[in-house]
Amino acid sequence: MTAITAINARNQFKGTVKEIIRGPVLSEVDVETAAGIVTSVITTRSIDSLNIKVGDELLTIFKATEVMLAKF
C-alpha cells in the first residue's frame, strides 16, 4: 500500500471509525473527528477493499461542488 505524501484537498479531518452500517451495495461509515462525526456513504466493496474496521484511523476528505441550505 502506498502512503499519501501530498493531496490538494483543503477540507480534510483525521478521525477514528466509530461505526459501520453495512448494506448489500452501499454502507455508512461514521468517523469521529475533532470537528464532529463525519458520515460517509461508500460502496461495501470499497470498505472490504480498504479493510476498514471500527477503531481504524482515517483521513476524511471533502470535495463538495454544491452545498444546499434551507431556512425554516
N, C-alpha and C. Protein backbone atom coordinates (compact mmCIF):
# COMPACT_ATOMS: atom_id res chain seq x y z
N MET A 1 0.84 -1.19 0.00
CA MET A 1 0.00 0.00 0.00
C MET A 1 0.89 1.24 0.00
N THR A 2 0.54 2.22 -0.82
CA THR A 2 1.30 3.45 -0.92
C THR A 2 0.77 4.47 0.08
N ALA A 3 1.66 5.14 0.78
CA ALA A 3 1.26 6.17 1.73
C ALA A 3 0.97 7.46 0.99
N ILE A 4 0.01 8.22 1.50
CA ILE A 4 -0.30 9.53 0.92
C ILE A 4 0.80 10.49 1.34
N THR A 5 1.45 11.12 0.37
CA THR A 5 2.51 12.08 0.69
C THR A 5 2.06 13.52 0.46
N ALA A 6 1.05 13.70 -0.38
CA ALA A 6 0.52 15.04 -0.63
C ALA A 6 -0.85 14.90 -1.26
N ILE A 7 -1.72 15.87 -0.96
CA ILE A 7 -3.05 15.91 -1.57
C ILE A 7 -3.49 17.36 -1.64
N ASN A 8 -4.19 17.74 -2.70
CA ASN A 8 -4.55 19.15 -2.86
C ASN A 8 -5.89 19.51 -2.22
N ALA A 9 -6.60 18.56 -1.66
CA ALA A 9 -7.88 18.86 -1.00
C ALA A 9 -7.61 19.60 0.31
N ARG A 10 -8.26 20.72 0.49
CA ARG A 10 -8.06 21.53 1.69
C ARG A 10 -8.95 21.10 2.84
N ASN A 11 -10.11 20.55 2.52
CA ASN A 11 -11.09 20.19 3.54
C ASN A 11 -10.88 18.74 3.95
N GLN A 12 -10.15 18.54 5.03
CA GLN A 12 -9.87 17.20 5.49
C GLN A 12 -9.71 17.17 7.00
N PHE A 13 -10.13 16.05 7.58
CA PHE A 13 -10.02 15.86 9.02
C PHE A 13 -9.56 14.44 9.30
N LYS A 14 -8.66 14.28 10.25
CA LYS A 14 -8.28 12.95 10.72
C LYS A 14 -9.34 12.50 11.72
N GLY A 15 -9.59 11.20 11.75
CA GLY A 15 -10.59 10.70 12.69
C GLY A 15 -10.49 9.20 12.89
N THR A 16 -11.38 8.71 13.74
CA THR A 16 -11.43 7.29 14.09
C THR A 16 -12.80 6.73 13.73
N VAL A 17 -12.81 5.57 13.09
CA VAL A 17 -14.07 4.92 12.71
C VAL A 17 -14.80 4.49 13.97
N LYS A 18 -16.02 4.98 14.15
CA LYS A 18 -16.84 4.65 15.32
C LYS A 18 -17.90 3.61 15.01
N GLU A 19 -18.43 3.62 13.78
CA GLU A 19 -19.49 2.68 13.43
C GLU A 19 -19.51 2.46 11.92
N ILE A 20 -19.83 1.23 11.54
CA ILE A 20 -20.03 0.89 10.13
C ILE A 20 -21.39 0.22 10.02
N ILE A 21 -22.25 0.76 9.19
CA ILE A 21 -23.56 0.16 8.93
C ILE A 21 -23.50 -0.40 7.52
N ARG A 22 -23.33 -1.71 7.45
CA ARG A 22 -23.14 -2.38 6.16
C ARG A 22 -24.47 -2.64 5.45
N GLY A 23 -24.45 -2.39 4.15
CA GLY A 23 -25.58 -2.73 3.29
C GLY A 23 -25.08 -3.64 2.19
N PRO A 24 -25.98 -4.17 1.38
CA PRO A 24 -25.56 -5.09 0.32
C PRO A 24 -24.71 -4.41 -0.76
N VAL A 25 -24.97 -3.14 -1.01
CA VAL A 25 -24.23 -2.42 -2.04
C VAL A 25 -23.52 -1.19 -1.46
N LEU A 26 -24.25 -0.39 -0.68
CA LEU A 26 -23.70 0.81 -0.05
C LEU A 26 -23.67 0.64 1.45
N SER A 27 -22.71 1.28 2.09
CA SER A 27 -22.58 1.24 3.55
C SER A 27 -22.28 2.63 4.07
N GLU A 28 -22.60 2.85 5.36
CA GLU A 28 -22.29 4.11 6.03
C GLU A 28 -21.12 3.90 6.96
N VAL A 29 -20.18 4.84 6.95
CA VAL A 29 -19.05 4.81 7.85
C VAL A 29 -19.07 6.10 8.66
N ASP A 30 -19.20 5.97 9.99
CA ASP A 30 -19.17 7.13 10.88
C ASP A 30 -17.76 7.30 11.41
N VAL A 31 -17.19 8.49 11.18
CA VAL A 31 -15.83 8.79 11.61
C VAL A 31 -15.89 9.95 12.60
N GLU A 32 -15.34 9.74 13.79
CA GLU A 32 -15.30 10.80 14.80
C GLU A 32 -14.05 11.63 14.57
N THR A 33 -14.25 12.94 14.32
CA THR A 33 -13.15 13.87 14.09
C THR A 33 -13.21 14.99 15.13
N ALA A 34 -12.21 15.83 15.13
CA ALA A 34 -12.20 16.98 16.03
C ALA A 34 -13.35 17.93 15.72
N ALA A 35 -13.84 17.91 14.48
CA ALA A 35 -14.95 18.77 14.07
C ALA A 35 -16.31 18.13 14.32
N GLY A 36 -16.34 16.88 14.75
CA GLY A 36 -17.59 16.16 14.97
C GLY A 36 -17.62 14.88 14.17
N ILE A 37 -18.78 14.25 14.14
CA ILE A 37 -18.94 13.00 13.40
C ILE A 37 -19.12 13.30 11.92
N VAL A 38 -18.35 12.61 11.09
CA VAL A 38 -18.48 12.69 9.64
C VAL A 38 -18.99 11.34 9.17
N THR A 39 -20.09 11.34 8.42
CA THR A 39 -20.65 10.10 7.88
C THR A 39 -20.39 10.06 6.39
N SER A 40 -19.80 8.97 5.95
CA SER A 40 -19.52 8.77 4.53
C SER A 40 -20.32 7.58 4.04
N VAL A 41 -20.95 7.72 2.89
CA VAL A 41 -21.64 6.61 2.25
C VAL A 41 -20.76 6.16 1.09
N ILE A 42 -20.23 4.95 1.20
CA ILE A 42 -19.36 4.40 0.17
C ILE A 42 -19.81 2.98 -0.15
N THR A 43 -19.28 2.43 -1.21
CA THR A 43 -19.67 1.07 -1.55
C THR A 43 -19.13 0.09 -0.52
N THR A 44 -19.90 -0.95 -0.29
CA THR A 44 -19.48 -2.01 0.62
C THR A 44 -18.21 -2.66 0.09
N ARG A 45 -18.11 -2.76 -1.21
CA ARG A 45 -16.89 -3.31 -1.83
C ARG A 45 -15.66 -2.48 -1.45
N SER A 46 -15.81 -1.15 -1.40
CA SER A 46 -14.69 -0.29 -1.02
C SER A 46 -14.29 -0.50 0.43
N ILE A 47 -15.27 -0.70 1.30
CA ILE A 47 -14.96 -0.98 2.71
C ILE A 47 -14.12 -2.25 2.81
N ASP A 48 -14.53 -3.28 2.07
CA ASP A 48 -13.80 -4.54 2.10
C ASP A 48 -12.42 -4.39 1.47
N SER A 49 -12.34 -3.68 0.35
CA SER A 49 -11.07 -3.49 -0.35
C SER A 49 -10.06 -2.72 0.51
N LEU A 50 -10.55 -1.70 1.22
CA LEU A 50 -9.68 -0.90 2.09
C LEU A 50 -9.51 -1.52 3.48
N ASN A 51 -10.26 -2.60 3.73
CA ASN A 51 -10.21 -3.30 5.02
C ASN A 51 -10.50 -2.33 6.18
N ILE A 52 -11.54 -1.52 6.01
CA ILE A 52 -11.91 -0.54 7.04
C ILE A 52 -12.66 -1.25 8.16
N LYS A 53 -12.22 -0.99 9.40
CA LYS A 53 -12.83 -1.59 10.58
C LYS A 53 -13.05 -0.51 11.65
N VAL A 54 -13.98 -0.77 12.57
CA VAL A 54 -14.19 0.12 13.70
C VAL A 54 -12.86 0.24 14.46
N GLY A 55 -12.51 1.47 14.81
CA GLY A 55 -11.26 1.74 15.52
C GLY A 55 -10.13 2.20 14.61
N ASP A 56 -10.27 1.99 13.29
CA ASP A 56 -9.24 2.44 12.36
C ASP A 56 -9.16 3.95 12.33
N GLU A 57 -7.95 4.47 12.15
CA GLU A 57 -7.76 5.91 11.95
C GLU A 57 -7.79 6.17 10.45
N LEU A 58 -8.60 7.17 10.06
CA LEU A 58 -8.77 7.51 8.65
C LEU A 58 -8.60 9.01 8.45
N LEU A 59 -8.43 9.39 7.22
CA LEU A 59 -8.45 10.78 6.82
C LEU A 59 -9.73 11.00 6.03
N THR A 60 -10.61 11.88 6.51
CA THR A 60 -11.82 12.21 5.76
C THR A 60 -11.48 13.41 4.87
N ILE A 61 -11.85 13.30 3.61
CA ILE A 61 -11.52 14.34 2.63
C ILE A 61 -12.81 14.78 1.95
N PHE A 62 -13.05 16.09 1.92
CA PHE A 62 -14.27 16.66 1.35
C PHE A 62 -13.96 17.33 0.03
N LYS A 63 -14.74 16.99 -0.96
CA LYS A 63 -14.67 17.66 -2.26
C LYS A 63 -16.11 17.94 -2.67
N ALA A 64 -16.62 19.09 -2.27
CA ALA A 64 -18.03 19.41 -2.50
C ALA A 64 -18.15 20.44 -3.62
N THR A 65 -19.05 20.16 -4.53
CA THR A 65 -19.33 21.13 -5.59
C THR A 65 -20.63 21.88 -5.31
N GLU A 66 -21.40 21.41 -4.33
CA GLU A 66 -22.67 22.04 -4.02
C GLU A 66 -22.99 21.84 -2.55
N VAL A 67 -23.41 22.91 -1.89
CA VAL A 67 -23.90 22.83 -0.51
C VAL A 67 -25.26 23.50 -0.50
N MET A 68 -26.27 22.77 -0.05
CA MET A 68 -27.62 23.31 -0.03
C MET A 68 -28.00 23.72 1.39
N LEU A 69 -28.72 24.82 1.49
CA LEU A 69 -29.22 25.31 2.78
C LEU A 69 -30.72 25.51 2.67
N ALA A 70 -31.42 25.28 3.77
CA ALA A 70 -32.86 25.53 3.82
C ALA A 70 -33.17 26.33 5.09
N LYS A 71 -33.98 27.34 4.94
CA LYS A 71 -34.37 28.16 6.08
C LYS A 71 -35.82 27.85 6.43
N PHE A 72 -36.08 27.68 7.71
CA PHE A 72 -37.47 27.42 8.12
C PHE A 72 -37.86 28.30 9.27
